[in-house]
PDB file of all heavy atoms in Angstrom:
ATOM      1  N   MET A   1     -18.434  -8.675  -9.636  1.00  0.00           N
ATOM      2  CA  MET A   1     -17.909  -9.494  -8.545  1.00  0.00           C
ATOM      3  C   MET A   1     -16.382  -9.537  -8.592  1.00  0.00           C
ATOM      4  O   MET A   1     -15.721  -9.429  -7.562  1.00  0.00           O
ATOM      5  CB  MET A   1     -18.492 -10.907  -8.595  1.00  0.00           C
ATOM      6  CG  MET A   1     -19.967 -10.960  -8.208  1.00  0.00           C
ATOM      7  SD  MET A   1     -20.709 -12.587  -8.423  1.00  0.00           S
ATOM      8  CE  MET A   1     -19.698 -13.588  -7.373  1.00  0.00           C
ATOM      9  N   VAL A   2     -15.819  -9.663  -9.787  1.00  0.00           N
ATOM     10  CA  VAL A   2     -14.361  -9.672  -9.936  1.00  0.00           C
ATOM     11  C   VAL A   2     -13.786  -8.334  -9.497  1.00  0.00           C
ATOM     12  O   VAL A   2     -12.783  -8.265  -8.779  1.00  0.00           O
ATOM     13  CB  VAL A   2     -13.961  -9.999 -11.395  1.00  0.00           C
ATOM     14  CG1 VAL A   2     -12.485  -9.718 -11.645  1.00  0.00           C
ATOM     15  CG2 VAL A   2     -14.289 -11.447 -11.718  1.00  0.00           C
ATOM     16  N   LEU A   3     -14.418  -7.236  -9.898  1.00  0.00           N
ATOM     17  CA  LEU A   3     -13.956  -5.903  -9.527  1.00  0.00           C
ATOM     18  C   LEU A   3     -14.010  -5.708  -8.014  1.00  0.00           C
ATOM     19  O   LEU A   3     -13.052  -5.235  -7.403  1.00  0.00           O
ATOM     20  CB  LEU A   3     -14.805  -4.840 -10.228  1.00  0.00           C
ATOM     21  CG  LEU A   3     -14.437  -3.392  -9.948  1.00  0.00           C
ATOM     22  CD1 LEU A   3     -13.036  -3.086 -10.457  1.00  0.00           C
ATOM     23  CD2 LEU A   3     -15.443  -2.460 -10.589  1.00  0.00           C
ATOM     24  N   ILE A   4     -15.088  -6.101  -7.396  1.00  0.00           N
ATOM     25  CA  ILE A   4     -15.234  -5.952  -5.946  1.00  0.00           C
ATOM     26  C   ILE A   4     -14.224  -6.826  -5.212  1.00  0.00           C
ATOM     27  O   ILE A   4     -13.558  -6.387  -4.280  1.00  0.00           O
ATOM     28  CB  ILE A   4     -16.678  -6.272  -5.498  1.00  0.00           C
ATOM     29  CG1 ILE A   4     -17.622  -5.174  -6.000  1.00  0.00           C
ATOM     30  CG2 ILE A   4     -16.764  -6.429  -3.985  1.00  0.00           C
ATOM     31  CD1 ILE A   4     -19.090  -5.502  -5.851  1.00  0.00           C
ATOM     32  N   THR A   5     -14.079  -8.071  -5.648  1.00  0.00           N
ATOM     33  CA  THR A   5     -13.121  -8.981  -5.019  1.00  0.00           C
ATOM     34  C   THR A   5     -11.703  -8.442  -5.150  1.00  0.00           C
ATOM     35  O   THR A   5     -10.936  -8.434  -4.193  1.00  0.00           O
ATOM     36  CB  THR A   5     -13.219 -10.390  -5.636  1.00  0.00           C
ATOM     37  OG1 THR A   5     -14.556 -10.860  -5.484  1.00  0.00           O
ATOM     38  CG2 THR A   5     -12.251 -11.346  -4.974  1.00  0.00           C
ATOM     39  N   GLY A   6     -11.349  -7.970  -6.341  1.00  0.00           N
ATOM     40  CA  GLY A   6     -10.019  -7.399  -6.557  1.00  0.00           C
ATOM     41  C   GLY A   6      -9.776  -6.195  -5.680  1.00  0.00           C
ATOM     42  O   GLY A   6      -8.700  -6.022  -5.116  1.00  0.00           O
ATOM     43  N   THR A   7     -10.775  -5.351  -5.533  1.00  0.00           N
ATOM     44  CA  THR A   7     -10.649  -4.168  -4.686  1.00  0.00           C
ATOM     45  C   THR A   7     -10.441  -4.573  -3.232  1.00  0.00           C
ATOM     46  O   THR A   7      -9.594  -4.017  -2.539  1.00  0.00           O
ATOM     47  CB  THR A   7     -11.897  -3.275  -4.813  1.00  0.00           C
ATOM     48  OG1 THR A   7     -12.044  -2.899  -6.179  1.00  0.00           O
ATOM     49  CG2 THR A   7     -11.783  -2.038  -3.956  1.00  0.00           C
ATOM     50  N   LEU A   8     -11.179  -5.548  -2.763  1.00  0.00           N
ATOM     51  CA  LEU A   8     -11.034  -6.005  -1.378  1.00  0.00           C
ATOM     52  C   LEU A   8      -9.672  -6.640  -1.143  1.00  0.00           C
ATOM     53  O   LEU A   8      -9.039  -6.408  -0.114  1.00  0.00           O
ATOM     54  CB  LEU A   8     -12.153  -6.989  -1.013  1.00  0.00           C
ATOM     55  CG  LEU A   8     -13.556  -6.389  -0.911  1.00  0.00           C
ATOM     56  CD1 LEU A   8     -14.583  -7.492  -0.704  1.00  0.00           C
ATOM     57  CD2 LEU A   8     -13.631  -5.368   0.213  1.00  0.00           C
ATOM     58  N   LEU A   9      -9.203  -7.427  -2.096  1.00  0.00           N
ATOM     59  CA  LEU A   9      -7.890  -8.039  -1.959  1.00  0.00           C
ATOM     60  C   LEU A   9      -6.807  -6.979  -1.945  1.00  0.00           C
ATOM     61  O   LEU A   9      -5.866  -7.043  -1.166  1.00  0.00           O
ATOM     62  CB  LEU A   9      -7.637  -9.037  -3.093  1.00  0.00           C
ATOM     63  CG  LEU A   9      -8.454 -10.317  -3.043  1.00  0.00           C
ATOM     64  CD1 LEU A   9      -8.225 -11.140  -4.303  1.00  0.00           C
ATOM     65  CD2 LEU A   9      -8.116 -11.121  -1.802  1.00  0.00           C
ATOM     66  N   TYR A  10      -6.913  -5.967  -2.808  1.00  0.00           N
ATOM     67  CA  TYR A  10      -5.918  -4.898  -2.857  1.00  0.00           C
ATOM     68  C   TYR A  10      -5.929  -4.096  -1.561  1.00  0.00           C
ATOM     69  O   TYR A  10      -4.880  -3.733  -1.046  1.00  0.00           O
ATOM     70  CB  TYR A  10      -6.173  -3.977  -4.049  1.00  0.00           C
ATOM     71  CG  TYR A  10      -5.181  -2.850  -4.124  1.00  0.00           C
ATOM     72  CD1 TYR A  10      -3.876  -3.084  -4.548  1.00  0.00           C
ATOM     73  CD2 TYR A  10      -5.531  -1.563  -3.738  1.00  0.00           C
ATOM     74  CE1 TYR A  10      -2.952  -2.068  -4.597  1.00  0.00           C
ATOM     75  CE2 TYR A  10      -4.609  -0.537  -3.781  1.00  0.00           C
ATOM     76  CZ  TYR A  10      -3.324  -0.793  -4.221  1.00  0.00           C
ATOM     77  OH  TYR A  10      -2.415   0.217  -4.263  1.00  0.00           O
ATOM     78  N   ALA A  11      -7.097  -3.850  -1.009  1.00  0.00           N
ATOM     79  CA  ALA A  11      -7.201  -3.072   0.229  1.00  0.00           C
ATOM     80  C   ALA A  11      -6.474  -3.767   1.369  1.00  0.00           C
ATOM     81  O   ALA A  11      -5.919  -3.122   2.251  1.00  0.00           O
ATOM     82  CB  ALA A  11      -8.665  -2.852   0.591  1.00  0.00           C
ATOM     83  N   ASN A  12      -6.447  -5.085   1.349  1.00  0.00           N
ATOM     84  CA  ASN A  12      -5.776  -5.835   2.401  1.00  0.00           C
ATOM     85  C   ASN A  12      -4.272  -5.930   2.187  1.00  0.00           C
ATOM     86  O   ASN A  12      -3.560  -6.428   3.041  1.00  0.00           O
ATOM     87  CB  ASN A  12      -6.372  -7.238   2.520  1.00  0.00           C
ATOM     88  CG  ASN A  12      -7.774  -7.199   3.087  1.00  0.00           C
ATOM     89  OD1 ASN A  12      -8.098  -6.309   3.862  1.00  0.00           O
ATOM     90  ND2 ASN A  12      -8.606  -8.141   2.696  1.00  0.00           N
ATOM     91  N   THR A  13      -3.768  -5.487   1.038  1.00  0.00           N
ATOM     92  CA  THR A  13      -2.347  -5.580   0.761  1.00  0.00           C
ATOM     93  C   THR A  13      -1.675  -4.220   0.675  1.00  0.00           C
ATOM     94  O   THR A  13      -0.613  -4.099   0.127  1.00  0.00           O
ATOM     95  CB  THR A  13      -2.106  -6.359  -0.549  1.00  0.00           C
ATOM     96  OG1 THR A  13      -2.724  -5.645  -1.623  1.00  0.00           O
ATOM     97  CG2 THR A  13      -2.637  -7.766  -0.476  1.00  0.00           C
ATOM     98  N   ILE A  14      -2.312  -3.191   1.208  1.00  0.00           N
ATOM     99  CA  ILE A  14      -1.704  -1.869   1.202  1.00  0.00           C
ATOM    100  C   ILE A  14      -0.425  -1.947   2.019  1.00  0.00           C
ATOM    101  O   ILE A  14      -0.428  -2.426   3.150  1.00  0.00           O
ATOM    102  CB  ILE A  14      -2.667  -0.819   1.788  1.00  0.00           C
ATOM    103  CG1 ILE A  14      -3.869  -0.668   0.875  1.00  0.00           C
ATOM    104  CG2 ILE A  14      -1.953   0.519   1.985  1.00  0.00           C
ATOM    105  CD1 ILE A  14      -4.964   0.199   1.429  1.00  0.00           C
ATOM    106  N   PRO A  15       0.692  -1.500   1.439  1.00  0.00           N
ATOM    107  CA  PRO A  15       1.963  -1.585   2.172  1.00  0.00           C
ATOM    108  C   PRO A  15       1.906  -0.804   3.485  1.00  0.00           C
ATOM    109  O   PRO A  15       1.291   0.246   3.576  1.00  0.00           O
ATOM    110  CB  PRO A  15       2.962  -0.925   1.209  1.00  0.00           C
ATOM    111  CG  PRO A  15       2.311  -0.979  -0.125  1.00  0.00           C
ATOM    112  CD  PRO A  15       0.837  -0.928   0.125  1.00  0.00           C
ATOM    113  N   GLN A  16       2.545  -1.343   4.478  1.00  0.00           N
ATOM    114  CA  GLN A  16       2.594  -0.707   5.791  1.00  0.00           C
ATOM    115  C   GLN A  16       3.973  -0.077   5.983  1.00  0.00           C
ATOM    116  O   GLN A  16       4.534  -0.111   7.062  1.00  0.00           O
ATOM    117  CB  GLN A  16       2.279  -1.728   6.869  1.00  0.00           C
ATOM    118  CG  GLN A  16       0.850  -2.224   6.777  1.00  0.00           C
ATOM    119  CD  GLN A  16       0.568  -3.307   7.770  1.00  0.00           C
ATOM    120  OE1 GLN A  16       0.831  -4.462   7.508  1.00  0.00           O
ATOM    121  NE2 GLN A  16       0.045  -2.930   8.907  1.00  0.00           N
ATOM    122  N   LYS A  17       4.500   0.495   4.901  1.00  0.00           N
ATOM    123  CA  LYS A  17       5.824   1.088   4.915  1.00  0.00           C
ATOM    124  C   LYS A  17       5.785   2.445   4.230  1.00  0.00           C
ATOM    125  O   LYS A  17       4.928   2.706   3.402  1.00  0.00           O
ATOM    126  CB  LYS A  17       6.816   0.182   4.196  1.00  0.00           C
ATOM    127  CG  LYS A  17       6.964  -1.176   4.833  1.00  0.00           C
ATOM    128  CD  LYS A  17       7.864  -2.058   4.032  1.00  0.00           C
ATOM    129  CE  LYS A  17       7.895  -3.442   4.664  1.00  0.00           C
ATOM    130  NZ  LYS A  17       8.101  -4.467   3.690  1.00  0.00           N
ATOM    131  N   ILE A  18       6.733   3.301   4.597  1.00  0.00           N
ATOM    132  CA  ILE A  18       6.863   4.622   3.994  1.00  0.00           C
ATOM    133  C   ILE A  18       8.325   4.822   3.622  1.00  0.00           C
ATOM    134  O   ILE A  18       9.216   4.694   4.474  1.00  0.00           O
ATOM    135  CB  ILE A  18       6.451   5.734   4.984  1.00  0.00           C
ATOM    136  CG1 ILE A  18       4.996   5.577   5.392  1.00  0.00           C
ATOM    137  CG2 ILE A  18       6.690   7.111   4.369  1.00  0.00           C
ATOM    138  CD1 ILE A  18       4.584   6.493   6.532  1.00  0.00           C
ATOM    139  N   ASN A  19       8.582   5.137   2.362  1.00  0.00           N
ATOM    140  CA  ASN A  19       9.934   5.446   1.936  1.00  0.00           C
ATOM    141  C   ASN A  19      10.267   6.862   2.399  1.00  0.00           C
ATOM    142  O   ASN A  19       9.507   7.794   2.161  1.00  0.00           O
ATOM    143  CB  ASN A  19      10.042   5.337   0.415  1.00  0.00           C
ATOM    144  CG  ASN A  19      11.462   5.459  -0.068  1.00  0.00           C
ATOM    145  OD1 ASN A  19      12.403   5.189   0.660  1.00  0.00           O
ATOM    146  ND2 ASN A  19      11.615   5.857  -1.310  1.00  0.00           N
ATOM    147  N   TYR A  20      11.391   7.014   3.089  1.00  0.00           N
ATOM    148  CA  TYR A  20      11.761   8.320   3.634  1.00  0.00           C
ATOM    149  C   TYR A  20      13.227   8.594   3.337  1.00  0.00           C
ATOM    150  O   TYR A  20      14.084   7.741   3.570  1.00  0.00           O
ATOM    151  CB  TYR A  20      11.521   8.342   5.145  1.00  0.00           C
ATOM    152  CG  TYR A  20      11.844   9.668   5.777  1.00  0.00           C
ATOM    153  CD1 TYR A  20      10.952  10.735   5.688  1.00  0.00           C
ATOM    154  CD2 TYR A  20      13.050   9.870   6.437  1.00  0.00           C
ATOM    155  CE1 TYR A  20      11.252  11.961   6.247  1.00  0.00           C
ATOM    156  CE2 TYR A  20      13.347  11.090   7.007  1.00  0.00           C
ATOM    157  CZ  TYR A  20      12.453  12.135   6.903  1.00  0.00           C
ATOM    158  OH  TYR A  20      12.742  13.355   7.454  1.00  0.00           O
ATOM    159  N   SER A  21      13.507   9.770   2.816  1.00  0.00           N
ATOM    160  CA  SER A  21      14.878  10.204   2.559  1.00  0.00           C
ATOM    161  C   SER A  21      15.149  11.457   3.368  1.00  0.00           C
ATOM    162  O   SER A  21      14.256  12.285   3.568  1.00  0.00           O
ATOM    163  CB  SER A  21      15.074  10.520   1.075  1.00  0.00           C
ATOM    164  OG  SER A  21      14.898   9.370   0.304  1.00  0.00           O
ATOM    165  N   GLY A  22      16.374  11.605   3.809  1.00  0.00           N
ATOM    166  CA  GLY A  22      16.733  12.784   4.574  1.00  0.00           C
ATOM    167  C   GLY A  22      18.215  13.073   4.468  1.00  0.00           C
ATOM    168  O   GLY A  22      18.976  12.329   3.839  1.00  0.00           O
ATOM    169  N   SER A  23      18.610  14.168   5.064  1.00  0.00           N
ATOM    170  CA  SER A  23      20.034  14.509   5.100  1.00  0.00           C
ATOM    171  C   SER A  23      20.424  14.795   6.541  1.00  0.00           C
ATOM    172  O   SER A  23      19.645  15.352   7.313  1.00  0.00           O
ATOM    173  CB  SER A  23      20.329  15.708   4.204  1.00  0.00           C
ATOM    174  OG  SER A  23      19.650  16.851   4.665  1.00  0.00           O
ATOM    175  N   LEU A  24      21.617  14.375   6.880  1.00  0.00           N
ATOM    176  CA  LEU A  24      22.156  14.600   8.215  1.00  0.00           C
ATOM    177  C   LEU A  24      23.339  15.553   8.105  1.00  0.00           C
ATOM    178  O   LEU A  24      24.255  15.325   7.312  1.00  0.00           O
ATOM    179  CB  LEU A  24      22.623  13.288   8.855  1.00  0.00           C
ATOM    180  CG  LEU A  24      21.554  12.263   9.195  1.00  0.00           C
ATOM    181  CD1 LEU A  24      22.197  11.013   9.800  1.00  0.00           C
ATOM    182  CD2 LEU A  24      20.543  12.845  10.163  1.00  0.00           C
ATOM    183  N   THR A  25      23.279  16.622   8.898  1.00  0.00           N
ATOM    184  CA  THR A  25      24.377  17.587   8.931  1.00  0.00           C
ATOM    185  C   THR A  25      24.739  17.874  10.378  1.00  0.00           C
ATOM    186  O   THR A  25      23.959  17.602  11.290  1.00  0.00           O
ATOM    187  CB  THR A  25      23.979  18.911   8.250  1.00  0.00           C
ATOM    188  OG1 THR A  25      22.874  19.494   8.960  1.00  0.00           O
ATOM    189  CG2 THR A  25      23.578  18.694   6.792  1.00  0.00           C
TER     190      THR A  25
END
């Protein structure tokens, strides 16, 4: 139950961001 609950809580906290690096020339 702890494992399932932890998995469900983690699934709801997946970041909605993407780190992106680039170069401008």
